[in-house]
């Protein structure tokens, strides 16, 4: 799968907080959202002022908030942690970069094994 497919998968599963998500699914989604955010801010900066940048930036953030929370919870499930760990600053980044828990866990089957 390429990055766009991972991004679209996350958008389609924006209400799914159960199950597991691979590292590449999570990080591709984060990188593409970041790229969209930067592109939108630059585009708005070319045609409008600072107030418009804040307004559009807030709208973009709200659009991607639910999918980001869902994929974050699924990513944490992939390493065997509760989705609530995303609320712990800095430690959650350490958790997001860890490799998948081998085999099945309480949150489902290993998505790496399913895609192989």
PDB file of N, CA and C in Angstrom:
ATOM      1  N   UNK A   1       0.844  -1.186   0.000  1.00  0.00           N
ATOM      2  CA  UNK A   1       0.000   0.000   0.000  1.00  0.00           C
ATOM      3  C   UNK A   1       0.886   1.245   0.000  1.00  0.00           C
ATOM      4  N   UNK A   2       0.430   2.265  -0.686  1.00  0.00           N
ATOM      5  CA  UNK A   2       1.179   3.517  -0.652  1.00  0.00           C
ATOM      6  C   UNK A   2       0.547   4.480   0.370  1.00  0.00           C
ATOM      7  N   UNK A   3       1.187   5.617   0.567  1.00  0.00           N
ATOM      8  CA  UNK A   3       0.749   6.565   1.581  1.00  0.00           C
ATOM      9  C   UNK A   3      -0.664   7.083   1.405  1.00  0.00           C
ATOM     10  N   UNK A   4      -1.042   7.339   0.167  1.00  0.00           N
ATOM     11  CA  UNK A   4      -2.402   7.848  -0.093  1.00  0.00           C
ATOM     12  C   UNK A   4      -3.450   6.808   0.297  1.00  0.00           C
ATOM     13  N   UNK A   5      -3.163   5.547   0.022  1.00  0.00           N
ATOM     14  CA  UNK A   5      -4.113   4.492   0.402  1.00  0.00           C
ATOM     15  C   UNK A   5      -4.260   4.393   1.912  1.00  0.00           C
ATOM     16  N   UNK A   6      -3.143   4.535   2.649  1.00  0.00           N
ATOM     17  CA  UNK A   6      -3.228   4.532   4.116  1.00  0.00           C
ATOM     18  C   UNK A   6      -4.046   5.722   4.602  1.00  0.00           C
ATOM     19  N   UNK A   7      -3.839   6.874   3.984  1.00  0.00           N
ATOM     20  CA  UNK A   7      -4.567   8.086   4.350  1.00  0.00           C
ATOM     21  C   UNK A   7      -6.068   7.898   4.124  1.00  0.00           C
ATOM     22  N   UNK A   8      -6.432   7.381   2.965  1.00  0.00           N
ATOM     23  CA  UNK A   8      -7.850   7.159   2.645  1.00  0.00           C
ATOM     24  C   UNK A   8      -8.461   6.127   3.588  1.00  0.00           C
ATOM     25  N   UNK A   9      -7.688   5.083   3.909  1.00  0.00           N
ATOM     26  CA  UNK A   9      -8.184   4.068   4.847  1.00  0.00           C
ATOM     27  C   UNK A   9      -8.510   4.701   6.191  1.00  0.00           C
ATOM     28  N   UNK A  10      -7.634   5.587   6.672  1.00  0.00           N
ATOM     29  CA  UNK A  10      -7.881   6.259   7.957  1.00  0.00           C
ATOM     30  C   UNK A  10      -9.112   7.153   7.889  1.00  0.00           C
ATOM     31  N   UNK A  11      -9.290   7.844   6.771  1.00  0.00           N
ATOM     32  CA  UNK A  11     -10.475   8.697   6.632  1.00  0.00           C
ATOM     33  C   UNK A  11     -11.751   7.863   6.622  1.00  0.00           C
ATOM     34  N   UNK A  12     -11.712   6.701   5.981  1.00  0.00           N
ATOM     35  CA  UNK A  12     -12.895   5.841   5.940  1.00  0.00           C
ATOM     36  C   UNK A  12     -13.215   5.251   7.306  1.00  0.00           C
ATOM     37  N   UNK A  13     -12.190   5.067   8.140  1.00  0.00           N
ATOM     38  CA  UNK A  13     -12.383   4.458   9.458  1.00  0.00           C
ATOM     39  C   UNK A  13     -12.359   5.505  10.570  1.00  0.00           C
ATOM     40  N   UNK A  14     -12.852   6.696  10.279  1.00  0.00           N
ATOM     41  CA  UNK A  14     -12.735   7.790  11.245  1.00  0.00           C
ATOM     42  C   UNK A  14     -13.540   7.584  12.521  1.00  0.00           C
ATOM     43  N   UNK A  15     -14.480   6.653  12.527  1.00  0.00           N
ATOM     44  CA  UNK A  15     -15.251   6.384  13.747  1.00  0.00           C
ATOM     45  C   UNK A  15     -14.856   5.068  14.391  1.00  0.00           C
ATOM     46  N   UNK A  16     -13.893   4.385  13.815  1.00  0.00           N
ATOM     47  CA  UNK A  16     -13.503   3.063  14.320  1.00  0.00           C
ATOM     48  C   UNK A  16     -12.351   3.210  15.316  1.00  0.00           C
ATOM     49  N   UNK A  17     -12.671   3.104  16.589  1.00  0.00           N
ATOM     50  CA  UNK A  17     -11.673   3.211  17.640  1.00  0.00           C
ATOM     51  C   UNK A  17     -11.230   1.839  18.133  1.00  0.00           C
ATOM     52  N   UNK A  18     -11.804   0.784  17.584  1.00  0.00           N
ATOM     53  CA  UNK A  18     -11.413  -0.568  17.972  1.00  0.00           C
ATOM     54  C   UNK A  18     -10.522  -1.158  16.891  1.00  0.00           C
ATOM     55  N   UNK A  19      -9.803  -2.199  17.254  1.00  0.00           N
ATOM     56  CA  UNK A  19      -8.905  -2.834  16.305  1.00  0.00           C
ATOM     57  C   UNK A  19      -7.501  -2.281  16.426  1.00  0.00           C
ATOM     58  N   UNK A  20      -6.708  -2.562  15.407  1.00  0.00           N
ATOM     59  CA  UNK A  20      -5.298  -2.203  15.438  1.00  0.00           C
ATOM     60  C   UNK A  20      -4.906  -1.487  14.148  1.00  0.00           C
ATOM     61  N   UNK A  21      -3.898  -0.625  14.235  1.00  0.00           N
ATOM     62  CA  UNK A  21      -3.378   0.091  13.067  1.00  0.00           C
ATOM     63  C   UNK A  21      -1.858  -0.016  13.066  1.00  0.00           C
ATOM     64  N   UNK A  22      -1.302  -0.337  11.922  1.00  0.00           N
ATOM     65  CA  UNK A  22       0.148  -0.452  11.794  1.00  0.00           C
ATOM     66  C   UNK A  22       0.814   0.916  11.901  1.00  0.00           C
ATOM     67  N   UNK A  23       2.125   0.880  12.153  1.00  0.00           N
ATOM     68  CA  UNK A  23       2.890   2.124  12.221  1.00  0.00           C
ATOM     69  C   UNK A  23       2.779   2.917  10.943  1.00  0.00           C
ATOM     70  N   UNK A  24       2.917   2.236   9.792  1.00  0.00           N
ATOM     71  CA  UNK A  24       2.890   2.972   8.522  1.00  0.00           C
ATOM     72  C   UNK A  24       1.528   3.633   8.295  1.00  0.00           C
ATOM     73  N   UNK A  25       0.456   2.992   8.700  1.00  0.00           N
ATOM     74  CA  UNK A  25      -0.872   3.595   8.574  1.00  0.00           C
ATOM     75  C   UNK A  25      -0.940   4.889   9.379  1.00  0.00           C
ATOM     76  N   UNK A  26      -0.500   4.832  10.620  1.00  0.00           N
ATOM     77  CA  UNK A  26      -0.530   6.006  11.489  1.00  0.00           C
ATOM     78  C   UNK A  26       0.356   7.127  10.949  1.00  0.00           C
ATOM     79  N   UNK A  27       1.619   6.811  10.648  1.00  0.00           N
ATOM     80  CA  UNK A  27       2.560   7.857  10.256  1.00  0.00           C
ATOM     81  C   UNK A  27       2.263   8.434   8.884  1.00  0.00           C
ATOM     82  N   UNK A  28       1.784   7.622   7.932  1.00  0.00           N
ATOM     83  CA  UNK A  28       1.385   8.190   6.641  1.00  0.00           C
ATOM     84  C   UNK A  28       0.229   9.164   6.826  1.00  0.00           C
ATOM     85  N   UNK A  29      -0.719   8.793   7.672  1.00  0.00           N
ATOM     86  CA  UNK A  29      -1.842   9.695   7.917  1.00  0.00           C
ATOM     87  C   UNK A  29      -1.355  11.006   8.523  1.00  0.00           C
ATOM     88  N   UNK A  30      -0.496  10.935   9.533  1.00  0.00           N
ATOM     89  CA  UNK A  30       0.023  12.131  10.197  1.00  0.00           C
ATOM     90  C   UNK A  30       0.798  13.002   9.203  1.00  0.00           C
ATOM     91  N   UNK A  31       1.646  12.385   8.392  1.00  0.00           N
ATOM     92  CA  UNK A  31       2.450  13.168   7.443  1.00  0.00           C
ATOM     93  C   UNK A  31       1.589  13.842   6.371  1.00  0.00           C
ATOM     94  N   UNK A  32       0.586  13.139   5.874  1.00  0.00           N
ATOM     95  CA  UNK A  32      -0.262  13.731   4.835  1.00  0.00           C
ATOM     96  C   UNK A  32      -1.129  14.842   5.418  1.00  0.00           C
ATOM     97  N   UNK A  33      -1.641  14.654   6.624  1.00  0.00           N
ATOM     98  CA  UNK A  33      -2.414  15.727   7.276  1.00  0.00           C
ATOM     99  C   UNK A  33      -1.518  16.946   7.488  1.00  0.00           C
ATOM    100  N   UNK A  34      -0.297  16.726   7.930  1.00  0.00           N
ATOM    101  CA  UNK A  34       0.640  17.834   8.117  1.00  0.00           C
ATOM    102  C   UNK A  34       0.898  18.547   6.791  1.00  0.00           C
ATOM    103  N   UNK A  35       1.119  17.783   5.709  1.00  0.00           N
ATOM    104  CA  UNK A  35       1.375  18.381   4.393  1.00  0.00           C
ATOM    105  C   UNK A  35       0.164  19.181   3.908  1.00  0.00           C
ATOM    106  N   UNK A  36      -1.033  18.648   4.107  1.00  0.00           N
ATOM    107  CA  UNK A  36      -2.255  19.364   3.723  1.00  0.00           C
ATOM    108  C   UNK A  36      -2.367  20.655   4.522  1.00  0.00           C
ATOM    109  N   UNK A  37      -2.098  20.570   5.809  1.00  0.00           N
ATOM    110  CA  UNK A  37      -2.181  21.752   6.668  1.00  0.00           C
ATOM    111  C   UNK A  37      -1.203  22.838   6.218  1.00  0.00           C
ATOM    112  N   UNK A  38       0.025  22.458   5.927  1.00  0.00           N
ATOM    113  CA  UNK A  38       1.023  23.430   5.470  1.00  0.00           C
ATOM    114  C   UNK A  38       0.616  24.032   4.135  1.00  0.00           C
ATOM    115  N   UNK A  39       0.159  23.190   3.211  1.00  0.00           N
ATOM    116  CA  UNK A  39      -0.248  23.678   1.892  1.00  0.00           C
ATOM    117  C   UNK A  39      -1.420  24.653   1.993  1.00  0.00           C
ATOM    118  N   UNK A  40      -2.385  24.327   2.834  1.00  0.00           N
ATOM    119  CA  UNK A  40      -3.550  25.211   3.001  1.00  0.00           C
ATOM    120  C   UNK A  40      -3.115  26.538   3.617  1.00  0.00           C
ATOM    121  N   UNK A  41      -2.257  26.476   4.625  1.00  0.00           N
ATOM    122  CA  UNK A  41      -1.786  27.715   5.263  1.00  0.00           C
ATOM    123  C   UNK A  41      -1.020  28.586   4.274  1.00  0.00           C
ATOM    124  N   UNK A  42      -0.169  27.974   3.470  1.00  0.00           N
ATOM    125  CA  UNK A  42       0.572  28.746   2.473  1.00  0.00           C
ATOM    126  C   UNK A  42      -0.363  29.344   1.432  1.00  0.00           C
ATOM    127  N   UNK A  43      -1.338  28.563   0.999  1.00  0.00           N
ATOM    128  CA  UNK A  43      -2.302  29.065   0.023  1.00  0.00           C
ATOM    129  C   UNK A  43      -3.114  30.227   0.554  1.00  0.00           C
ATOM    130  N   UNK A  44      -3.558  30.102   1.795  1.00  0.00           N
ATOM    131  CA  UNK A  44      -4.341  31.182   2.398  1.00  0.00           C
ATOM    132  C   UNK A  44      -3.445  32.398   2.646  1.00  0.00           C
ATOM    133  N   UNK A  45      -2.193  32.181   3.026  1.00  0.00           N
ATOM    134  CA  UNK A  45      -1.274  33.294   3.276  1.00  0.00           C
ATOM    135  C   UNK A  45      -1.043  34.123   2.017  1.00  0.00           C
ATOM    136  N   UNK A  46      -1.109  33.489   0.864  1.00  0.00           N
ATOM    137  CA  UNK A  46      -0.903  34.206  -0.387  1.00  0.00           C
ATOM    138  C   UNK A  46      -2.065  35.122  -0.739  1.00  0.00           C
ATOM    139  N   UNK A  47      -3.272  34.775  -0.278  1.00  0.00           N
ATOM    140  CA  UNK A  47      -4.444  35.552  -0.690  1.00  0.00           C
ATOM    141  C   UNK A  47      -5.147  36.290   0.455  1.00  0.00           C
ATOM    142  N   UNK A  48      -4.798  35.984   1.711  1.00  0.00           N
ATOM    143  CA  UNK A  48      -5.521  36.608   2.821  1.00  0.00           C
ATOM    144  C   UNK A  48      -4.553  36.918   3.962  1.00  0.00           C
ATOM    145  N   UNK A  49      -5.094  37.450   5.023  1.00  0.00           N
ATOM    146  CA  UNK A  49      -4.281  37.861   6.165  1.00  0.00           C
ATOM    147  C   UNK A  49      -4.179  36.798   7.239  1.00  0.00           C
ATOM    148  N   UNK A  50      -3.595  37.203   8.361  1.00  0.00           N
ATOM    149  CA  UNK A  50      -3.332  36.288   9.471  1.00  0.00           C
ATOM    150  C   UNK A  50      -4.619  35.732  10.085  1.00  0.00           C
ATOM    151  N   UNK A  51      -5.658  36.540  10.155  1.00  0.00           N
ATOM    152  CA  UNK A  51      -6.919  36.069  10.733  1.00  0.00           C
ATOM    153  C   UNK A  51      -7.502  34.942   9.895  1.00  0.00           C
ATOM    154  N   UNK A  52      -7.403  35.055   8.594  1.00  0.00           N
ATOM    155  CA  UNK A  52      -7.911  34.002   7.710  1.00  0.00           C
ATOM    156  C   UNK A  52      -7.091  32.724   7.854  1.00  0.00           C
ATOM    157  N   UNK A  53      -5.787  32.880   8.060  1.00  0.00           N
ATOM    158  CA  UNK A  53      -4.934  31.704   8.245  1.00  0.00           C
ATOM    159  C   UNK A  53      -5.360  30.938   9.497  1.00  0.00           C
ATOM    160  N   UNK A  54      -5.608  31.667  10.588  1.00  0.00           N
ATOM    161  CA  UNK A  54      -6.039  31.024  11.825  1.00  0.00           C
ATOM    162  C   UNK A  54      -7.386  30.341  11.644  1.00  0.00           C
ATOM    163  N   UNK A  55      -8.302  30.988  10.959  1.00  0.00           N
ATOM    164  CA  UNK A  55      -9.632  30.421  10.744  1.00  0.00           C
ATOM    165  C   UNK A  55      -9.563  29.147   9.905  1.00  0.00           C
ATOM    166  N   UNK A  56      -8.856  29.206   8.797  1.00  0.00           N
ATOM    167  CA  UNK A  56      -8.749  28.042   7.907  1.00  0.00           C
ATOM    168  C   UNK A  56      -7.947  26.933   8.579  1.00  0.00           C
ATOM    169  N   UNK A  57      -6.900  27.291   9.303  1.00  0.00           N
ATOM    170  CA  UNK A  57      -6.098  26.305  10.018  1.00  0.00           C
ATOM    171  C   UNK A  57      -6.943  25.570  11.059  1.00  0.00           C
ATOM    172  N   UNK A  58      -7.772  26.304  11.761  1.00  0.00           N
ATOM    173  CA  UNK A  58      -8.680  25.686  12.727  1.00  0.00           C
ATOM    174  C   UNK A  58      -9.677  24.760  12.070  1.00  0.00           C
ATOM    175  N   UNK A  59     -10.185  25.168  10.917  1.00  0.00           N
ATOM    176  CA  UNK A  59     -11.137  24.316  10.187  1.00  0.00           C
ATOM    177  C   UNK A  59     -10.475  23.023   9.724  1.00  0.00           C
ATOM    178  N   UNK A  60      -9.254  23.129   9.205  1.00  0.00           N
ATOM    179  CA  UNK A  60      -8.532  21.931   8.757  1.00  0.00           C
ATOM    180  C   UNK A  60      -8.267  21.012   9.943  1.00  0.00           C
ATOM    181  N   UNK A  61      -7.898  21.590  11.080  1.00  0.00           N
ATOM    182  CA  UNK A  61      -7.651  20.789  12.278  1.00  0.00           C
ATOM    183  C   UNK A  61      -8.914  20.059  12.726  1.00  0.00           C
ATOM    184  N   UNK A  62     -10.042  20.737  12.687  1.00  0.00           N
ATOM    185  CA  UNK A  62     -11.305  20.095  13.077  1.00  0.00           C
ATOM    186  C   UNK A  62     -11.700  18.980  12.116  1.00  0.00           C
ATOM    187  N   UNK A  63     -11.437  19.169  10.833  1.00  0.00           N
ATOM    188  CA  UNK A  63     -11.780  18.156   9.839  1.00  0.00           C
ATOM    189  C   UNK A  63     -11.032  16.851  10.119  1.00  0.00           C
ATOM    190  N   UNK A  64      -9.776  16.953  10.492  1.00  0.00           N
ATOM    191  CA  UNK A  64      -8.951  15.759  10.674  1.00  0.00           C
ATOM    192  C   UNK A  64      -8.853  15.295  12.122  1.00  0.00           C
ATOM    193  N   UNK A  65      -9.548  15.939  13.047  1.00  0.00           N
ATOM    194  CA  UNK A  65      -9.450  15.576  14.458  1.00  0.00           C
ATOM    195  C   UNK A  65      -9.959  14.156  14.732  1.00  0.00           C
ATOM    196  N   UNK A  66     -11.161  13.827  14.314  1.00  0.00           N
ATOM    197  CA  UNK A  66     -11.726  12.497  14.581  1.00  0.00           C
ATOM    198  C   UNK A  66     -10.909  11.381  13.938  1.00  0.00           C
ATOM    199  N   UNK A  67     -10.538  11.501  12.651  1.00  0.00           N
ATOM    200  CA  UNK A  67      -9.706  10.431  12.083  1.00  0.00           C
ATOM    201  C   UNK A  67      -8.367  10.284  12.809  1.00  0.00           C
ATOM    202  N   UNK A  68      -7.782  11.391  13.248  1.00  0.00           N
ATOM    203  CA  UNK A  68      -6.503  11.319  13.966  1.00  0.00           C
ATOM    204  C   UNK A  68      -6.669  10.637  15.317  1.00  0.00           C
ATOM    205  N   UNK A  69      -7.721  10.952  16.044  1.00  0.00           N
ATOM    206  CA  UNK A  69      -7.966  10.288  17.321  1.00  0.00           C
ATOM    207  C   UNK A  69      -8.219   8.799  17.131  1.00  0.00           C
ATOM    208  N   UNK A  70      -8.970   8.448  16.100  1.00  0.00           N
ATOM    209  CA  UNK A  70      -9.279   7.033  15.848  1.00  0.00           C
ATOM    210  C   UNK A  70      -8.027   6.248  15.480  1.00  0.00           C
ATOM    211  N   UNK A  71      -7.229   6.767  14.552  1.00  0.00           N
ATOM    212  CA  UNK A  71      -6.028   6.029  14.156  1.00  0.00           C
ATOM    213  C   UNK A  71      -5.014   6.005  15.294  1.00  0.00           C
ATOM    214  N   UNK A  72      -4.985   7.022  16.134  1.00  0.00           N
ATOM    215  CA  UNK A  72      -4.088   7.020  17.294  1.00  0.00           C
ATOM    216  C   UNK A  72      -4.486   5.922  18.280  1.00  0.00           C
ATOM    217  N   UNK A  73      -5.778   5.801  18.540  1.00  0.00           N
ATOM    218  CA  UNK A  73      -6.250   4.748  19.439  1.00  0.00           C
ATOM    219  C   UNK A  73      -5.934   3.373  18.868  1.00  0.00           C
ATOM    220  N   UNK A  74      -6.176   3.185  17.569  1.00  0.00           N
ATOM    221  CA  UNK A  74      -5.873   1.887  16.948  1.00  0.00           C
ATOM    222  C   UNK A  74      -4.372   1.605  16.954  1.00  0.00           C
ATOM    223  N   UNK A  75      -3.549   2.652  16.781  1.00  0.00           N
ATOM    224  CA  UNK A  75      -2.095   2.469  16.818  1.00  0.00           C
ATOM    225  C   UNK A  75      -1.650   2.006  18.195  1.00  0.00           C
ATOM    226  N   UNK A  76      -2.204   2.609  19.240  1.00  0.00           N
ATOM    227  CA  UNK A  76      -1.866   2.195  20.591  1.00  0.00           C
ATOM    228  C   UNK A  76      -2.359   0.783  20.885  1.00  0.00           C
ATOM    229  N   UNK A  77      -3.504   0.418  20.334  1.00  0.00           N
ATOM    230  CA  UNK A  77      -3.998  -0.945  20.489  1.00  0.00           C
ATOM    231  C   UNK A  77      -3.031  -1.935  19.842  1.00  0.00           C
ATOM    232  N   UNK A  78      -2.382  -1.516  18.769  1.00  0.00           N
ATOM    233  CA  UNK A  78      -1.462  -2.404  18.058  1.00  0.00           C
ATOM    234  C   UNK A  78      -0.268  -2.799  18.919  1.00  0.00           C
ATOM    235  N   UNK A  79       0.107  -1.961  19.858  1.00  0.00           N
ATOM    236  CA  UNK A  79       1.226  -2.304  20.736  1.00  0.00           C
ATOM    237  C   UNK A  79       0.733  -2.803  22.095  1.00  0.00           C
ATOM    238  N   UNK A  80      -0.572  -3.024  22.213  1.00  0.00           N
ATOM    239  CA  UNK A  80      -1.133  -3.601  23.430  1.00  0.00           C
ATOM    240  C   UNK A  80      -1.488  -2.602  24.506  1.00  0.00           C
ATOM    241  N   UNK A  81      -1.593  -1.333  24.170  1.00  0.00           N
ATOM    242  CA  UNK A  81      -1.929  -0.294  25.145  1.00  0.00           C
ATOM    243  C   UNK A  81      -3.345   0.224  24.902  1.00  0.00           C
ATOM    244  N   UNK A  82      -3.913   0.811  25.929  1.00  0.00           N
ATOM    245  CA  UNK A  82      -5.218   1.445  25.811  1.00  0.00           C
ATOM    246  C   UNK A  82      -5.096   2.725  24.984  1.00  0.00           C
ATOM    247  N   UNK A  83      -6.150   3.067  24.282  1.00  0.00           N
ATOM    248  CA  UNK A  83      -6.162   4.299  23.510  1.00  0.00           C
ATOM    249  C   UNK A  83      -6.017   5.549  24.362  1.00  0.00           C
ATOM    250  N   UNK A  84      -6.317   5.445  25.648  1.00  0.00           N
ATOM    251  CA  UNK A  84      -6.210   6.592  26.549  1.00  0.00           C
ATOM    252  C   UNK A  84      -4.766   7.048  26.745  1.00  0.00           C
ATOM    253  N   UNK A  85      -3.792   6.207  26.389  1.00  0.00           N
ATOM    254  CA  UNK A  85      -2.389   6.598  26.519  1.00  0.00           C
ATOM    255  C   UNK A  85      -2.040   7.773  25.610  1.00  0.00           C
ATOM    256  N   UNK A  86      -2.881   8.056  24.617  1.00  0.00           N
ATOM    257  CA  UNK A  86      -2.583   9.196  23.742  1.00  0.00           C
ATOM    258  C   UNK A  86      -2.670  10.527  24.493  1.00  0.00           C
ATOM    259  N   UNK A  87      -3.251  10.523  25.667  1.00  0.00           N
ATOM    260  CA  UNK A  87      -3.378  11.745  26.456  1.00  0.00           C
ATOM    261  C   UNK A  87      -2.121  12.077  27.258  1.00  0.00           C
ATOM    262  N   UNK A  88      -1.149  11.172  27.276  1.00  0.00           N
ATOM    263  CA  UNK A  88       0.080  11.398  28.038  1.00  0.00           C
ATOM    264  C   UNK A  88       1.113  12.029  27.111  1.00  0.00           C
ATOM    265  N   UNK A  89       1.442  13.299  27.319  1.00  0.00           N
ATOM    266  CA  UNK A  89       2.387  13.974  26.421  1.00  0.00           C
ATOM    267  C   UNK A  89       3.761  13.309  26.426  1.00  0.00           C
ATOM    268  N   UNK A  90       4.406  13.342  25.299  1.00  0.00           N
ATOM    269  CA  UNK A  90       5.753  12.828  25.064  1.00  0.00           C
ATOM    270  C   UNK A  90       5.831  11.303  25.137  1.00  0.00           C
ATOM    271  N   UNK A  91       5.246  10.686  26.156  1.00  0.00           N
ATOM    272  CA  UNK A  91       5.267   9.224  26.250  1.00  0.00           C
ATOM    273  C   UNK A  91       4.497   8.607  25.091  1.00  0.00           C
ATOM    274  N   UNK A  92       3.421   9.284  24.655  1.00  0.00           N
ATOM    275  CA  UNK A  92       2.643   8.737  23.552  1.00  0.00           C
ATOM    276  C   UNK A  92       3.472   8.680  22.268  1.00  0.00           C
ATOM    277  N   UNK A  93       4.374   9.640  22.063  1.00  0.00           N
ATOM    278  CA  UNK A  93       5.244   9.592  20.879  1.00  0.00           C
ATOM    279  C   UNK A  93       6.127   8.350  20.923  1.00  0.00           C
ATOM    280  N   UNK A  94       6.669   8.040  22.090  1.00  0.00           N
ATOM    281  CA  UNK A  94       7.464   6.831  22.267  1.00  0.00           C
ATOM    282  C   UNK A  94       6.634   5.594  21.913  1.00  0.00           C
ATOM    283  N   UNK A  95       5.378   5.590  22.310  1.00  0.00           N
ATOM    284  CA  UNK A  95       4.512   4.451  22.011  1.00  0.00           C
ATOM    285  C   UNK A  95       4.180   4.366  20.522  1.00  0.00           C
ATOM    286  N   UNK A  96       3.973   5.512  19.875  1.00  0.00           N
ATOM    287  CA  UNK A  96       3.600   5.509  18.463  1.00  0.00           C
ATOM    288  C   UNK A  96       4.697   4.953  17.555  1.00  0.00           C
ATOM    289  N   UNK A  97       5.958   5.034  17.963  1.00  0.00           N
ATOM    290  CA  UNK A  97       7.052   4.565  17.113  1.00  0.00           C
ATOM    291  C   UNK A  97       7.416   3.104  17.378  1.00  0.00           C
ATOM    292  N   UNK A  98       6.812   2.479  18.367  1.00  0.00           N
ATOM    293  CA  UNK A  98       7.126   1.078  18.655  1.00  0.00           C
ATOM    294  C   UNK A  98       6.570   0.155  17.580  1.00  0.00           C
ATOM    295  N   UNK A  99       7.217  -0.995  17.458  1.00  0.00           N
ATOM    296  CA  UNK A  99       6.780  -2.009  16.506  1.00  0.00           C
ATOM    297  C   UNK A  99       5.513  -2.697  17.014  1.00  0.00           C
ATOM    298  N   UNK A 100       4.792  -3.303  16.102  1.00  0.00           N
ATOM    299  CA  UNK A 100       3.559  -4.012  16.454  1.00  0.00           C
ATOM    300  C   UNK A 100       3.827  -5.137  17.438  1.00  0.00           C
ATOM    301  N   UNK A 101       2.845  -5.393  18.275  1.00  0.00           N
ATOM    302  CA  UNK A 101       2.921  -6.529  19.182  1.00  0.00           C
ATOM    303  C   UNK A 101       2.712  -7.787  18.341  1.00  0.00           C
ATOM    304  N   UNK A 102       3.626  -8.753  18.417  1.00  0.00           N
ATOM    305  CA  UNK A 102       3.464  -9.952  17.591  1.00  0.00           C
ATOM    306  C   UNK A 102       2.229 -10.748  17.998  1.00  0.00           C
ATOM    307  N   UNK A 103       1.603 -11.352  17.010  1.00  0.00           N
ATOM    308  CA  UNK A 103       0.422 -12.167  17.270  1.00  0.00           C
ATOM    309  C   UNK A 103      -0.788 -11.336  17.634  1.00  0.00           C
ATOM    310  N   UNK A 104      -1.797 -12.014  18.096  1.00  0.00           N
ATOM    311  CA  UNK A 104      -3.037 -11.347  18.508  1.00  0.00           C
ATOM    312  C   UNK A 104      -2.886 -10.791  19.911  1.00  0.00           C
ATOM    313  N   UNK A 105      -3.642  -9.751  20.194  1.00  0.00           N
ATOM    314  CA  UNK A 105      -3.724  -9.233  21.557  1.00  0.00           C
ATOM    315  C   UNK A 105      -5.196  -8.964  21.865  1.00  0.00           C
ATOM    316  N   UNK A 106      -5.463  -8.305  22.971  1.00  0.00           N
ATOM    317  CA  UNK A 106      -6.848  -8.067  23.390  1.00  0.00           C
ATOM    318  C   UNK A 106      -7.629  -7.217  22.395  1.00  0.00           C
ATOM    319  N   UNK A 107      -6.934  -6.532  21.484  1.00  0.00           N
ATOM    320  CA  UNK A 107      -7.590  -5.619  20.554  1.00  0.00           C
ATOM    321  C   UNK A 107      -7.773  -6.211  19.155  1.00  0.00           C
ATOM    322  N   UNK A 108      -7.270  -7.420  18.931  1.00  0.00           N
ATOM    323  CA  UNK A 108      -7.472  -8.066  17.634  1.00  0.00           C
ATOM    324  C   UNK A 108      -6.210  -8.721  17.110  1.00  0.00           C
ATOM    325  N   UNK A 109      -6.322  -9.200  15.880  1.00  0.00           N
ATOM    326  CA  UNK A 109      -5.204  -9.871  15.225  1.00  0.00           C
ATOM    327  C   UNK A 109      -4.182  -8.846  14.746  1.00  0.00           C
ATOM    328  N   UNK A 110      -2.946  -9.279  14.599  1.00  0.00           N
ATOM    329  CA  UNK A 110      -1.869  -8.411  14.125  1.00  0.00           C
ATOM    330  C   UNK A 110      -2.114  -8.034  12.671  1.00  0.00           C
ATOM    331  N   UNK A 111      -2.225  -6.736  12.365  1.00  0.00           N
ATOM    332  CA  UNK A 111      -2.486  -6.329  10.980  1.00  0.00           C
ATOM    333  C   UNK A 111      -1.315  -6.621  10.044  1.00  0.00           C
ATOM    334  N   UNK A 112      -0.110  -6.725  10.572  1.00  0.00           N
ATOM    335  CA  UNK A 112       1.040  -7.092   9.731  1.00  0.00           C
ATOM    336  C   UNK A 112       0.871  -8.504   9.206  1.00  0.00           C
ATOM    337  N   UNK A 113       0.429  -9.407  10.054  1.00  0.00           N
ATOM    338  CA  UNK A 113       0.242 -10.792   9.645  1.00  0.00           C
ATOM    339  C   UNK A 113      -0.886 -10.916   8.638  1.00  0.00           C
ATOM    340  N   UNK A 114      -1.895 -10.066   8.751  1.00  0.00           N
ATOM    341  CA  UNK A 114      -3.039 -10.135   7.844  1.00  0.00           C
ATOM    342  C   UNK A 114      -2.677  -9.637   6.454  1.00  0.00           C
ATOM    343  N   UNK A 115      -1.770  -8.662   6.365  1.00  0.00           N
ATOM    344  CA  UNK A 115      -1.425  -8.097   5.062  1.00  0.00           C
ATOM    345  C   UNK A 115      -0.307  -8.866   4.360  1.00  0.00           C
ATOM    346  N   UNK A 116       0.376  -9.746   5.092  1.00  0.00           N
ATOM    347  CA  UNK A 116       1.477 -10.506   4.484  1.00  0.00           C
ATOM    348  C   UNK A 116       0.976 -11.671   3.668  1.00  0.00           C
TER     349      UNK A 116
END
